[in-house]
Amino acid sequence: MTIEDKFLRTINQIFPDKLPKRIAVAVSGGIDSMALTFLLKELAQKNNLELFCITIDHKFRDNSSKEAEFTSNLLK
């Protein structure tokens, strides 16, 4: 079973009757949130869903603005 299959199985458990029309995901730019975003993008495209990606520049680290901008550009 592929990761995509496991992901779809989990999504179907969370939403057993019907997928939502809109999905939002918080994206830090790390590998885990980028992988989740990729899987959600595939799901959204196949099911005609709107996907909203949210990145927040928390300004806790010196490079946080650059990281947030880099992540935003990747998502585009």
N, C-alpha and C. Protein backbone atom coordinates (compact mmCIF):
# COMPACT_ATOMS: atom_id res chain seq x y z
N MET A 1 0.85 -1.18 0.00
CA MET A 1 0.00 0.00 0.00
C MET A 1 0.90 1.24 0.00
N THR A 2 0.62 2.18 -0.89
CA THR A 2 1.43 3.39 -1.00
C THR A 2 1.01 4.42 0.05
N ILE A 3 1.83 5.43 0.21
CA ILE A 3 1.50 6.51 1.15
C ILE A 3 0.23 7.22 0.70
N GLU A 4 0.05 7.33 -0.62
CA GLU A 4 -1.16 7.96 -1.14
C GLU A 4 -2.40 7.15 -0.77
N ASP A 5 -2.29 5.84 -0.85
CA ASP A 5 -3.40 4.97 -0.47
C ASP A 5 -3.73 5.12 1.03
N LYS A 6 -2.69 5.15 1.85
CA LYS A 6 -2.90 5.31 3.28
C LYS A 6 -3.52 6.68 3.58
N PHE A 7 -3.06 7.68 2.88
CA PHE A 7 -3.60 9.03 3.06
C PHE A 7 -5.09 9.07 2.69
N LEU A 8 -5.43 8.51 1.55
CA LEU A 8 -6.84 8.48 1.12
C LEU A 8 -7.71 7.69 2.08
N ARG A 9 -7.18 6.60 2.60
CA ARG A 9 -7.93 5.81 3.58
C ARG A 9 -8.21 6.64 4.83
N THR A 10 -7.21 7.37 5.28
CA THR A 10 -7.38 8.23 6.46
C THR A 10 -8.38 9.35 6.18
N ILE A 11 -8.26 9.98 5.03
CA ILE A 11 -9.21 11.05 4.66
C ILE A 11 -10.63 10.51 4.63
N ASN A 12 -10.81 9.32 4.08
CA ASN A 12 -12.15 8.73 4.03
C ASN A 12 -12.68 8.37 5.42
N GLN A 13 -11.79 8.08 6.35
CA GLN A 13 -12.22 7.83 7.73
C GLN A 13 -12.64 9.13 8.41
N ILE A 14 -11.93 10.20 8.11
CA ILE A 14 -12.26 11.51 8.71
C ILE A 14 -13.55 12.05 8.12
N PHE A 15 -13.72 11.89 6.82
CA PHE A 15 -14.91 12.38 6.11
C PHE A 15 -15.61 11.20 5.43
N PRO A 16 -16.31 10.37 6.20
CA PRO A 16 -16.89 9.14 5.63
C PRO A 16 -18.01 9.39 4.62
N ASP A 17 -18.75 10.48 4.76
CA ASP A 17 -19.90 10.70 3.89
C ASP A 17 -19.59 11.55 2.67
N LYS A 18 -18.83 12.62 2.89
CA LYS A 18 -18.58 13.56 1.80
C LYS A 18 -17.37 14.43 2.14
N LEU A 19 -16.53 14.68 1.15
CA LEU A 19 -15.39 15.57 1.36
C LEU A 19 -15.86 17.01 1.48
N PRO A 20 -15.16 17.82 2.26
CA PRO A 20 -15.52 19.24 2.30
C PRO A 20 -15.17 19.90 0.96
N LYS A 21 -15.80 21.00 0.67
CA LYS A 21 -15.52 21.70 -0.59
C LYS A 21 -14.24 22.52 -0.50
N ARG A 22 -13.87 22.89 0.72
CA ARG A 22 -12.67 23.69 0.96
C ARG A 22 -11.82 23.03 2.05
N ILE A 23 -10.51 23.10 1.82
CA ILE A 23 -9.56 22.56 2.80
C ILE A 23 -8.48 23.61 3.03
N ALA A 24 -8.12 23.82 4.29
CA ALA A 24 -7.01 24.71 4.63
C ALA A 24 -5.93 23.88 5.30
N VAL A 25 -4.69 24.23 5.01
CA VAL A 25 -3.56 23.55 5.60
C VAL A 25 -2.52 24.59 6.01
N ALA A 26 -1.98 24.44 7.21
CA ALA A 26 -0.89 25.29 7.67
C ALA A 26 0.42 24.70 7.19
N VAL A 27 1.23 25.51 6.54
CA VAL A 27 2.46 25.02 5.92
C VAL A 27 3.65 25.78 6.50
N SER A 28 4.54 25.03 7.14
CA SER A 28 5.73 25.65 7.73
C SER A 28 6.89 25.70 6.75
N GLY A 29 6.84 24.85 5.74
CA GLY A 29 7.95 24.74 4.80
C GLY A 29 8.80 23.52 5.09
N GLY A 30 8.55 22.86 6.22
CA GLY A 30 9.27 21.63 6.55
C GLY A 30 8.77 20.48 5.69
N ILE A 31 9.51 19.40 5.72
CA ILE A 31 9.19 18.28 4.84
C ILE A 31 7.83 17.67 5.14
N ASP A 32 7.43 17.63 6.42
CA ASP A 32 6.15 17.02 6.75
C ASP A 32 4.98 17.86 6.25
N SER A 33 5.04 19.18 6.44
CA SER A 33 3.92 20.00 5.97
C SER A 33 3.91 20.10 4.45
N MET A 34 5.08 20.06 3.82
CA MET A 34 5.12 20.09 2.35
C MET A 34 4.56 18.79 1.78
N ALA A 35 4.88 17.66 2.41
CA ALA A 35 4.33 16.37 1.94
C ALA A 35 2.82 16.35 2.11
N LEU A 36 2.33 16.82 3.25
CA LEU A 36 0.88 16.90 3.46
C LEU A 36 0.24 17.79 2.41
N THR A 37 0.86 18.92 2.12
CA THR A 37 0.31 19.85 1.12
C THR A 37 0.27 19.20 -0.25
N PHE A 38 1.31 18.45 -0.60
CA PHE A 38 1.32 17.75 -1.89
C PHE A 38 0.17 16.76 -1.97
N LEU A 39 -0.02 15.98 -0.92
CA LEU A 39 -1.12 15.00 -0.91
C LEU A 39 -2.48 15.68 -0.97
N LEU A 40 -2.63 16.78 -0.25
CA LEU A 40 -3.90 17.52 -0.29
C LEU A 40 -4.13 18.16 -1.66
N LYS A 41 -3.06 18.63 -2.30
CA LYS A 41 -3.19 19.20 -3.64
C LYS A 41 -3.72 18.15 -4.62
N GLU A 42 -3.16 16.96 -4.56
CA GLU A 42 -3.63 15.87 -5.42
C GLU A 42 -5.10 15.56 -5.15
N LEU A 43 -5.46 15.48 -3.87
CA LEU A 43 -6.84 15.22 -3.49
C LEU A 43 -7.76 16.32 -4.00
N ALA A 44 -7.34 17.57 -3.83
CA ALA A 44 -8.15 18.71 -4.26
C ALA A 44 -8.35 18.71 -5.77
N GLN A 45 -7.30 18.46 -6.51
CA GLN A 45 -7.41 18.45 -7.97
C GLN A 45 -8.32 17.33 -8.47
N LYS A 46 -8.22 16.17 -7.88
CA LYS A 46 -9.03 15.02 -8.31
C LYS A 46 -10.50 15.15 -7.93
N ASN A 47 -10.78 15.97 -6.89
CA ASN A 47 -12.15 16.06 -6.38
C ASN A 47 -12.75 17.46 -6.49
N ASN A 48 -12.09 18.32 -7.26
CA ASN A 48 -12.58 19.68 -7.49
C ASN A 48 -12.83 20.43 -6.18
N LEU A 49 -11.82 20.41 -5.30
CA LEU A 49 -11.91 21.08 -4.00
C LEU A 49 -11.01 22.32 -4.02
N GLU A 50 -11.33 23.29 -3.19
CA GLU A 50 -10.46 24.45 -3.02
C GLU A 50 -9.47 24.15 -1.90
N LEU A 51 -8.20 24.42 -2.16
CA LEU A 51 -7.16 24.21 -1.16
C LEU A 51 -6.54 25.55 -0.81
N PHE A 52 -6.53 25.88 0.47
CA PHE A 52 -5.94 27.11 0.97
C PHE A 52 -4.72 26.74 1.80
N CYS A 53 -3.58 27.34 1.47
CA CYS A 53 -2.35 27.10 2.21
C CYS A 53 -2.03 28.35 3.02
N ILE A 54 -1.72 28.15 4.29
CA ILE A 54 -1.47 29.25 5.21
C ILE A 54 -0.06 29.12 5.76
N THR A 55 0.71 30.19 5.60
CA THR A 55 2.05 30.27 6.17
C THR A 55 2.12 31.54 7.00
N ILE A 56 2.62 31.44 8.20
CA ILE A 56 2.69 32.58 9.11
C ILE A 56 4.14 32.91 9.40
N ASP A 57 4.48 34.18 9.23
CA ASP A 57 5.81 34.65 9.61
C ASP A 57 5.73 35.06 11.08
N HIS A 58 6.17 34.20 11.96
CA HIS A 58 6.07 34.42 13.40
C HIS A 58 7.12 35.39 13.93
N LYS A 59 8.15 35.62 13.13
CA LYS A 59 9.26 36.53 13.48
C LYS A 59 10.01 36.13 14.75
N PHE A 60 9.98 34.85 15.11
CA PHE A 60 10.71 34.37 16.27
C PHE A 60 12.19 34.14 15.97
N ARG A 61 12.50 33.88 14.70
CA ARG A 61 13.89 33.67 14.30
C ARG A 61 14.29 34.74 13.29
N ASP A 62 15.57 34.98 13.20
CA ASP A 62 16.07 36.02 12.29
C ASP A 62 15.67 35.77 10.84
N ASN A 63 15.64 34.50 10.43
CA ASN A 63 15.35 34.16 9.03
C ASN A 63 13.89 33.83 8.77
N SER A 64 13.01 34.08 9.72
CA SER A 64 11.62 33.64 9.56
C SER A 64 10.93 34.31 8.37
N SER A 65 11.24 35.57 8.10
CA SER A 65 10.61 36.25 6.95
C SER A 65 11.06 35.62 5.64
N LYS A 66 12.33 35.31 5.54
CA LYS A 66 12.85 34.65 4.33
C LYS A 66 12.26 33.26 4.17
N GLU A 67 12.15 32.53 5.29
CA GLU A 67 11.56 31.19 5.24
C GLU A 67 10.10 31.24 4.80
N ALA A 68 9.35 32.18 5.33
CA ALA A 68 7.93 32.31 4.97
C ALA A 68 7.80 32.69 3.50
N GLU A 69 8.64 33.59 3.02
CA GLU A 69 8.59 33.99 1.61
C GLU A 69 8.98 32.82 0.70
N PHE A 70 10.01 32.09 1.08
CA PHE A 70 10.45 30.91 0.31
C PHE A 70 9.32 29.88 0.23
N THR A 71 8.68 29.61 1.37
CA THR A 71 7.58 28.65 1.39
C THR A 71 6.43 29.13 0.53
N SER A 72 6.11 30.39 0.62
CA SER A 72 5.03 30.95 -0.20
C SER A 72 5.32 30.79 -1.69
N ASN A 73 6.56 31.05 -2.08
CA ASN A 73 6.94 30.89 -3.49
C ASN A 73 6.87 29.43 -3.93
N LEU A 74 7.26 28.51 -3.05
CA LEU A 74 7.15 27.09 -3.39
C LEU A 74 5.68 26.69 -3.62
N LEU A 75 4.81 27.22 -2.78
CA LEU A 75 3.40 26.86 -2.87
C LEU A 75 2.74 27.39 -4.14
N LYS A 76 3.24 28.50 -4.64
CA LYS A 76 2.68 29.07 -5.87
C LYS A 76 2.95 28.17 -7.03
